[in-house]
């Protein structure tokens, strides 16, 4: 697999783990990552354990054990330079719960930096930007 495809797969693996509320997988995938609010520059979490603690504190888990979401990551613009890569992409999060019909609840952008660590591409920084905000009442534990 080439470097661009490998880097994009990291983004998709993270989205898949979030949708499943697969916290062990998220901890591993985000082991080297800093999660940053793109608008304020505030660091939300550094490292996998802190990222999982952050998600557990702000995202609702539903009776089926998931977030009842589908994170769709699109339009990746990838630049690879040796052992570091940047990816700008867009995300749309869909959700359906007992209380809400299936709908887009938020859309925005990720600005990601990946680094090859021990031969594997790993996320080292993700800046989240929320551009369009819908009904997050069944997703987050706080008002955005």
N, C-alpha and C. Protein backbone atom coordinates (compact mmCIF):
# COMPACT_ATOMS: atom_id res chain seq x y z
N UNK A 1 0.85 -1.18 0.00
CA UNK A 1 0.00 0.00 0.00
C UNK A 1 0.90 1.24 0.00
N UNK A 2 0.52 2.22 -0.79
CA UNK A 2 1.35 3.43 -0.83
C UNK A 2 1.08 4.31 0.39
N UNK A 3 1.92 5.30 0.61
CA UNK A 3 1.84 6.14 1.80
C UNK A 3 0.54 6.93 1.89
N UNK A 4 0.06 7.45 0.77
CA UNK A 4 -1.18 8.23 0.79
C UNK A 4 -2.34 7.36 1.25
N UNK A 5 -2.47 6.18 0.66
CA UNK A 5 -3.56 5.28 1.04
C UNK A 5 -3.43 4.86 2.50
N UNK A 6 -2.22 4.58 2.94
CA UNK A 6 -2.01 4.17 4.33
C UNK A 6 -2.42 5.28 5.30
N UNK A 7 -2.09 6.51 4.97
CA UNK A 7 -2.47 7.65 5.82
C UNK A 7 -3.98 7.84 5.85
N UNK A 8 -4.62 7.76 4.71
CA UNK A 8 -6.08 7.92 4.67
C UNK A 8 -6.76 6.80 5.46
N UNK A 9 -6.22 5.58 5.39
CA UNK A 9 -6.79 4.48 6.16
C UNK A 9 -6.78 4.76 7.65
N UNK A 10 -5.77 5.46 8.14
CA UNK A 10 -5.73 5.83 9.56
C UNK A 10 -6.97 6.65 9.92
N UNK A 11 -7.33 7.60 9.07
CA UNK A 11 -8.51 8.42 9.33
C UNK A 11 -9.77 7.57 9.39
N UNK A 12 -9.88 6.63 8.44
CA UNK A 12 -11.06 5.77 8.39
C UNK A 12 -11.12 4.82 9.58
N UNK A 13 -9.97 4.33 10.03
CA UNK A 13 -9.94 3.44 11.20
C UNK A 13 -10.40 4.18 12.45
N UNK A 14 -10.00 5.44 12.58
CA UNK A 14 -10.42 6.24 13.74
C UNK A 14 -11.92 6.45 13.69
N UNK A 15 -12.47 6.80 12.54
CA UNK A 15 -13.92 7.00 12.40
C UNK A 15 -14.68 5.73 12.74
N UNK A 16 -14.19 4.60 12.25
CA UNK A 16 -14.84 3.32 12.52
C UNK A 16 -14.84 3.02 14.03
N UNK A 17 -13.73 3.26 14.69
CA UNK A 17 -13.63 3.01 16.13
C UNK A 17 -14.54 3.95 16.92
N UNK A 18 -14.64 5.21 16.50
CA UNK A 18 -15.52 6.14 17.19
C UNK A 18 -16.97 5.66 17.08
N UNK A 19 -17.40 5.30 15.90
CA UNK A 19 -18.79 4.87 15.71
C UNK A 19 -19.13 3.65 16.54
N UNK A 20 -18.17 2.77 16.75
CA UNK A 20 -18.40 1.56 17.53
C UNK A 20 -18.18 1.78 19.03
N UNK A 21 -17.73 2.99 19.41
CA UNK A 21 -17.32 3.25 20.79
C UNK A 21 -16.31 2.19 21.22
N UNK A 22 -15.40 1.87 20.32
CA UNK A 22 -14.35 0.87 20.56
C UNK A 22 -13.17 1.57 21.24
N UNK A 23 -13.29 1.77 22.53
CA UNK A 23 -12.34 2.59 23.26
C UNK A 23 -10.93 2.00 23.29
N UNK A 24 -10.80 0.69 23.36
CA UNK A 24 -9.46 0.09 23.33
C UNK A 24 -8.77 0.38 22.00
N UNK A 25 -9.52 0.26 20.92
CA UNK A 25 -8.96 0.55 19.59
C UNK A 25 -8.62 2.03 19.48
N UNK A 26 -9.51 2.90 19.95
CA UNK A 26 -9.24 4.34 19.92
C UNK A 26 -8.00 4.68 20.73
N UNK A 27 -7.84 4.07 21.87
CA UNK A 27 -6.66 4.35 22.69
C UNK A 27 -5.39 4.00 21.93
N UNK A 28 -5.40 2.87 21.23
CA UNK A 28 -4.24 2.47 20.45
C UNK A 28 -4.01 3.41 19.26
N UNK A 29 -5.08 3.72 18.53
CA UNK A 29 -4.96 4.58 17.34
C UNK A 29 -4.51 6.00 17.70
N UNK A 30 -4.86 6.46 18.88
CA UNK A 30 -4.57 7.83 19.29
C UNK A 30 -3.43 7.92 20.31
N UNK A 31 -2.67 6.85 20.43
CA UNK A 31 -1.59 6.77 21.41
C UNK A 31 -0.62 7.94 21.33
N UNK A 32 -0.34 8.42 20.12
CA UNK A 32 0.64 9.48 19.91
C UNK A 32 -0.01 10.83 19.58
N UNK A 33 -1.32 10.91 19.69
CA UNK A 33 -2.05 12.06 19.16
C UNK A 33 -2.39 13.11 20.21
N UNK A 34 -2.39 14.35 19.76
CA UNK A 34 -2.96 15.48 20.49
C UNK A 34 -4.24 15.87 19.75
N UNK A 35 -5.33 15.99 20.49
CA UNK A 35 -6.61 16.43 19.92
C UNK A 35 -6.79 17.89 20.31
N UNK A 36 -7.03 18.72 19.31
CA UNK A 36 -7.03 20.17 19.52
C UNK A 36 -8.30 20.79 18.93
N UNK A 37 -8.93 21.67 19.70
CA UNK A 37 -10.05 22.46 19.18
C UNK A 37 -9.47 23.45 18.19
N UNK A 38 -9.84 23.31 16.92
CA UNK A 38 -9.26 24.15 15.88
C UNK A 38 -9.57 25.62 16.03
N UNK A 39 -10.73 25.96 16.55
CA UNK A 39 -11.12 27.36 16.68
C UNK A 39 -10.34 28.07 17.78
N UNK A 40 -10.20 27.41 18.93
CA UNK A 40 -9.56 28.08 20.07
C UNK A 40 -8.09 27.71 20.23
N UNK A 41 -7.68 26.58 19.65
CA UNK A 41 -6.33 26.10 19.85
C UNK A 41 -6.15 25.34 21.15
N UNK A 42 -7.22 25.15 21.90
CA UNK A 42 -7.15 24.43 23.17
C UNK A 42 -6.87 22.95 22.94
N UNK A 43 -5.94 22.42 23.71
CA UNK A 43 -5.65 20.99 23.65
C UNK A 43 -6.71 20.27 24.47
N UNK A 44 -7.44 19.36 23.81
CA UNK A 44 -8.51 18.62 24.47
C UNK A 44 -7.97 17.36 25.14
N UNK A 45 -6.96 16.76 24.53
CA UNK A 45 -6.37 15.53 25.07
C UNK A 45 -5.04 15.28 24.38
N UNK A 46 -4.12 14.66 25.12
CA UNK A 46 -2.84 14.23 24.56
C UNK A 46 -2.62 12.78 24.92
N UNK A 47 -2.48 11.93 23.90
CA UNK A 47 -2.27 10.50 24.10
C UNK A 47 -3.57 9.74 24.10
N UNK A 48 -3.45 8.43 23.89
CA UNK A 48 -4.62 7.58 23.74
C UNK A 48 -5.51 7.51 24.97
N UNK A 49 -4.91 7.34 26.14
CA UNK A 49 -5.71 7.23 27.36
C UNK A 49 -6.47 8.53 27.63
N UNK A 50 -5.81 9.66 27.43
CA UNK A 50 -6.47 10.95 27.63
C UNK A 50 -7.57 11.19 26.59
N UNK A 51 -7.33 10.75 25.36
CA UNK A 51 -8.35 10.90 24.32
C UNK A 51 -9.59 10.09 24.68
N UNK A 52 -9.39 8.86 25.12
CA UNK A 52 -10.53 8.01 25.51
C UNK A 52 -11.26 8.64 26.70
N UNK A 53 -10.53 9.13 27.69
CA UNK A 53 -11.17 9.79 28.83
C UNK A 53 -11.98 11.00 28.37
N UNK A 54 -11.43 11.75 27.42
CA UNK A 54 -12.15 12.90 26.87
C UNK A 54 -13.45 12.45 26.19
N UNK A 55 -13.35 11.45 25.30
CA UNK A 55 -14.56 10.97 24.61
C UNK A 55 -15.58 10.44 25.61
N UNK A 56 -15.13 9.69 26.60
CA UNK A 56 -16.07 9.15 27.60
C UNK A 56 -16.78 10.27 28.35
N UNK A 57 -16.12 11.41 28.52
CA UNK A 57 -16.73 12.50 29.29
C UNK A 57 -17.67 13.37 28.46
N UNK A 58 -17.52 13.36 27.14
CA UNK A 58 -18.33 14.29 26.34
C UNK A 58 -19.30 13.63 25.36
N UNK A 59 -19.14 12.32 25.08
CA UNK A 59 -19.99 11.65 24.09
C UNK A 59 -20.90 10.63 24.78
N UNK A 60 -22.17 10.67 24.44
CA UNK A 60 -23.15 9.74 25.02
C UNK A 60 -23.02 8.37 24.37
N UNK A 61 -23.04 7.34 25.21
CA UNK A 61 -23.09 5.96 24.73
C UNK A 61 -24.54 5.51 24.88
N UNK A 62 -25.09 4.90 23.84
CA UNK A 62 -26.49 4.50 23.81
C UNK A 62 -26.64 3.05 24.25
N UNK A 63 -27.88 2.60 24.47
CA UNK A 63 -28.09 1.25 25.00
C UNK A 63 -27.42 0.12 24.19
N UNK A 64 -27.19 0.34 22.90
CA UNK A 64 -26.53 -0.70 22.10
C UNK A 64 -25.01 -0.67 22.27
N UNK A 65 -24.50 0.24 23.13
CA UNK A 65 -23.07 0.31 23.40
C UNK A 65 -22.29 1.17 22.42
N UNK A 66 -22.97 1.84 21.50
CA UNK A 66 -22.30 2.70 20.52
C UNK A 66 -22.75 4.14 20.70
N UNK A 67 -22.15 5.00 19.88
CA UNK A 67 -22.57 6.40 19.88
C UNK A 67 -23.77 6.63 18.96
N UNK A 68 -24.20 5.58 18.23
CA UNK A 68 -25.29 5.66 17.25
C UNK A 68 -24.96 6.69 16.16
N UNK A 69 -23.69 6.72 15.76
CA UNK A 69 -23.23 7.67 14.75
C UNK A 69 -22.55 6.94 13.60
N UNK A 70 -22.40 7.68 12.50
CA UNK A 70 -21.55 7.30 11.38
C UNK A 70 -20.74 8.54 11.02
N UNK A 71 -19.44 8.46 11.28
CA UNK A 71 -18.52 9.54 10.93
C UNK A 71 -18.05 9.30 9.50
N UNK A 72 -18.40 10.20 8.61
CA UNK A 72 -18.03 10.07 7.20
C UNK A 72 -16.94 11.10 6.92
N UNK A 73 -15.75 10.61 6.58
CA UNK A 73 -14.61 11.46 6.30
C UNK A 73 -14.39 11.51 4.80
N UNK A 74 -14.35 12.72 4.23
CA UNK A 74 -14.28 12.87 2.78
C UNK A 74 -13.26 13.92 2.37
N UNK A 75 -13.04 14.00 1.07
CA UNK A 75 -12.23 15.03 0.43
C UNK A 75 -10.83 15.18 1.03
N UNK A 76 -10.13 14.07 1.27
CA UNK A 76 -8.80 14.20 1.86
C UNK A 76 -7.80 14.84 0.89
N UNK A 77 -7.09 15.82 1.39
CA UNK A 77 -5.99 16.45 0.65
C UNK A 77 -4.72 16.09 1.41
N UNK A 78 -3.90 15.23 0.80
CA UNK A 78 -2.78 14.61 1.50
C UNK A 78 -1.46 15.13 0.94
N UNK A 79 -0.56 15.47 1.85
CA UNK A 79 0.81 15.82 1.48
C UNK A 79 1.75 14.97 2.33
N UNK A 80 2.57 14.15 1.66
CA UNK A 80 3.51 13.29 2.37
C UNK A 80 4.92 13.80 2.11
N UNK A 81 5.70 13.95 3.19
CA UNK A 81 7.08 14.38 3.10
C UNK A 81 7.91 13.46 3.98
N UNK A 82 8.55 12.48 3.36
CA UNK A 82 9.34 11.49 4.09
C UNK A 82 8.46 10.76 5.11
N UNK A 83 8.72 11.00 6.42
CA UNK A 83 8.01 10.28 7.47
C UNK A 83 6.94 11.13 8.15
N UNK A 84 6.50 12.20 7.50
CA UNK A 84 5.43 13.02 8.04
C UNK A 84 4.43 13.33 6.93
N UNK A 85 3.18 13.40 7.30
CA UNK A 85 2.12 13.69 6.34
C UNK A 85 1.11 14.64 6.98
N UNK A 86 0.51 15.48 6.15
CA UNK A 86 -0.61 16.30 6.59
C UNK A 86 -1.82 15.94 5.73
N UNK A 87 -2.97 15.96 6.36
CA UNK A 87 -4.22 15.69 5.64
C UNK A 87 -5.25 16.71 6.10
N UNK A 88 -5.82 17.40 5.15
CA UNK A 88 -6.99 18.23 5.39
C UNK A 88 -8.17 17.46 4.82
N UNK A 89 -9.20 17.26 5.63
CA UNK A 89 -10.36 16.52 5.16
C UNK A 89 -11.63 17.14 5.76
N UNK A 90 -12.75 16.66 5.27
CA UNK A 90 -14.05 17.10 5.78
C UNK A 90 -14.71 15.92 6.47
N UNK A 91 -15.53 16.22 7.45
CA UNK A 91 -16.30 15.16 8.10
C UNK A 91 -17.76 15.58 8.20
N UNK A 92 -18.61 14.58 8.15
CA UNK A 92 -20.03 14.74 8.44
C UNK A 92 -20.39 13.61 9.39
N UNK A 93 -21.07 13.94 10.47
CA UNK A 93 -21.49 12.92 11.42
C UNK A 93 -23.00 12.79 11.33
N UNK A 94 -23.43 11.56 11.03
CA UNK A 94 -24.84 11.23 11.00
C UNK A 94 -25.18 10.49 12.29
N UNK A 95 -26.42 10.66 12.75
CA UNK A 95 -26.85 9.94 13.95
C UNK A 95 -28.32 9.59 13.84
N UNK A 96 -28.65 8.43 14.40
CA UNK A 96 -30.05 8.01 14.54
C UNK A 96 -30.17 7.35 15.91
N UNK A 97 -31.15 7.82 16.69
CA UNK A 97 -31.39 7.26 18.01
C UNK A 97 -32.89 7.02 18.17
N UNK A 98 -33.26 6.50 19.33
CA UNK A 98 -34.69 6.33 19.60
C UNK A 98 -35.41 7.67 19.59
N UNK A 99 -34.71 8.72 19.97
CA UNK A 99 -35.31 10.04 20.06
C UNK A 99 -35.19 10.86 18.77
N UNK A 100 -34.21 10.53 17.92
CA UNK A 100 -33.94 11.33 16.73
C UNK A 100 -33.97 10.48 15.46
N UNK A 101 -34.61 10.99 14.39
CA UNK A 101 -34.50 10.30 13.11
C UNK A 101 -33.08 10.45 12.56
N UNK A 102 -32.72 9.62 11.61
CA UNK A 102 -31.39 9.70 11.01
C UNK A 102 -31.20 11.07 10.37
N UNK A 103 -30.09 11.72 10.75
CA UNK A 103 -29.83 13.07 10.25
C UNK A 103 -28.36 13.42 10.44
N UNK A 104 -27.91 14.40 9.67
CA UNK A 104 -26.57 14.94 9.90
C UNK A 104 -26.65 15.82 11.14
N UNK A 105 -25.72 15.59 12.09
CA UNK A 105 -25.76 16.37 13.32
C UNK A 105 -24.63 17.39 13.41
N UNK A 106 -23.56 17.19 12.62
CA UNK A 106 -22.46 18.14 12.61
C UNK A 106 -21.60 17.87 11.37
N UNK A 107 -21.01 18.93 10.84
CA UNK A 107 -20.07 18.79 9.71
C UNK A 107 -18.96 19.81 9.91
N UNK A 108 -17.78 19.41 9.50
CA UNK A 108 -16.65 20.31 9.66
C UNK A 108 -15.41 19.79 8.99
N UNK A 109 -14.26 20.17 9.55
CA UNK A 109 -12.97 19.82 8.93
C UNK A 109 -12.03 19.26 9.98
N UNK A 110 -11.16 18.37 9.51
CA UNK A 110 -10.02 17.89 10.29
C UNK A 110 -8.75 18.41 9.62
N UNK A 111 -7.84 18.90 10.41
CA UNK A 111 -6.48 19.19 9.94
C UNK A 111 -5.58 18.25 10.75
N UNK A 112 -5.09 17.21 10.08
CA UNK A 112 -4.35 16.14 10.74
C UNK A 112 -2.89 16.13 10.35
N UNK A 113 -2.06 15.74 11.31
CA UNK A 113 -0.66 15.47 11.05
C UNK A 113 -0.40 14.03 11.46
N UNK A 114 0.23 13.29 10.56
CA UNK A 114 0.60 11.91 10.84
C UNK A 114 2.11 11.78 10.73
N UNK A 115 2.64 10.82 11.47
CA UNK A 115 4.07 10.56 11.43
C UNK A 115 4.27 9.05 11.36
N UNK A 116 5.27 8.63 10.61
CA UNK A 116 5.59 7.22 10.57
C UNK A 116 6.41 6.90 11.82
N UNK A 117 5.85 6.05 12.67
CA UNK A 117 6.49 5.67 13.94
C UNK A 117 6.67 4.16 13.91
N UNK A 118 7.90 3.72 14.03
CA UNK A 118 8.22 2.29 13.96
C UNK A 118 7.61 1.64 12.71
N UNK A 119 7.66 2.38 11.60
CA UNK A 119 7.21 1.86 10.32
C UNK A 119 5.72 1.95 10.06
N UNK A 120 4.95 2.51 11.01
CA UNK A 120 3.49 2.58 10.87
C UNK A 120 3.05 4.04 10.93
N UNK A 121 2.14 4.43 10.02
CA UNK A 121 1.61 5.79 10.06
C UNK A 121 0.69 5.93 11.25
N UNK A 122 0.96 6.98 12.07
CA UNK A 122 0.18 7.23 13.28
C UNK A 122 -0.25 8.70 13.32
N UNK A 123 -1.46 8.93 13.78
CA UNK A 123 -1.93 10.30 13.98
C UNK A 123 -1.17 10.91 15.15
N UNK A 124 -0.60 12.11 14.94
CA UNK A 124 0.09 12.80 16.03
C UNK A 124 -0.60 14.11 16.41
N UNK A 125 -1.44 14.64 15.51
CA UNK A 125 -2.21 15.84 15.85
C UNK A 125 -3.47 15.89 15.00
N UNK A 126 -4.58 16.18 15.67
CA UNK A 126 -5.85 16.42 14.96
C UNK A 126 -6.45 17.71 15.48
N UNK A 127 -6.67 18.64 14.54
CA UNK A 127 -7.39 19.88 14.85
C UNK A 127 -8.80 19.74 14.27
N UNK A 128 -9.79 19.86 15.15
CA UNK A 128 -11.21 19.76 14.78
C UNK A 128 -11.76 21.16 14.53
N UNK A 129 -12.49 21.31 13.44
CA UNK A 129 -13.22 22.54 13.17
C UNK A 129 -14.67 22.17 12.93
N UNK A 130 -15.59 22.73 13.69
CA UNK A 130 -17.02 22.48 13.52
C UNK A 130 -17.59 23.64 12.70
N UNK A 131 -18.02 23.36 11.48
CA UNK A 131 -18.51 24.40 10.59
C UNK A 131 -20.03 24.51 10.56
N UNK A 132 -20.71 23.37 10.60
CA UNK A 132 -22.17 23.32 10.57
C UNK A 132 -22.64 22.47 11.74
N UNK A 133 -23.49 23.02 12.58
CA UNK A 133 -23.91 22.33 13.79
C UNK A 133 -25.41 22.11 13.77
N UNK A 134 -25.80 20.86 13.92
CA UNK A 134 -27.21 20.49 13.97
C UNK A 134 -27.60 20.09 15.39
N UNK A 135 -28.49 19.12 15.49
CA UNK A 135 -29.01 18.67 16.78
C UNK A 135 -28.05 17.66 17.40
N UNK A 136 -27.28 18.13 18.37
CA UNK A 136 -26.29 17.30 19.06
C UNK A 136 -26.81 16.80 20.42
N UNK A 137 -28.09 16.96 20.66
CA UNK A 137 -28.65 16.66 21.98
C UNK A 137 -28.53 15.20 22.38
N UNK A 138 -28.50 14.29 21.42
CA UNK A 138 -28.37 12.87 21.73
C UNK A 138 -26.95 12.36 21.49
N UNK A 139 -26.02 13.29 21.26
CA UNK A 139 -24.63 12.91 21.00
C UNK A 139 -23.67 13.40 22.08
N UNK A 140 -23.76 14.65 22.45
CA UNK A 140 -22.82 15.22 23.40
C UNK A 140 -23.45 15.42 24.77
N UNK A 141 -22.60 15.45 25.80
CA UNK A 141 -23.08 15.67 27.16
C UNK A 141 -23.12 17.14 27.52
N UNK A 142 -22.74 18.00 26.57
CA UNK A 142 -22.74 19.44 26.81
C UNK A 142 -23.24 20.11 25.53
N UNK A 143 -23.55 21.40 25.61
CA UNK A 143 -24.03 22.15 24.46
C UNK A 143 -22.84 22.78 23.74
N UNK A 144 -22.73 22.54 22.46
CA UNK A 144 -21.62 23.08 21.67
C UNK A 144 -21.94 24.47 21.18
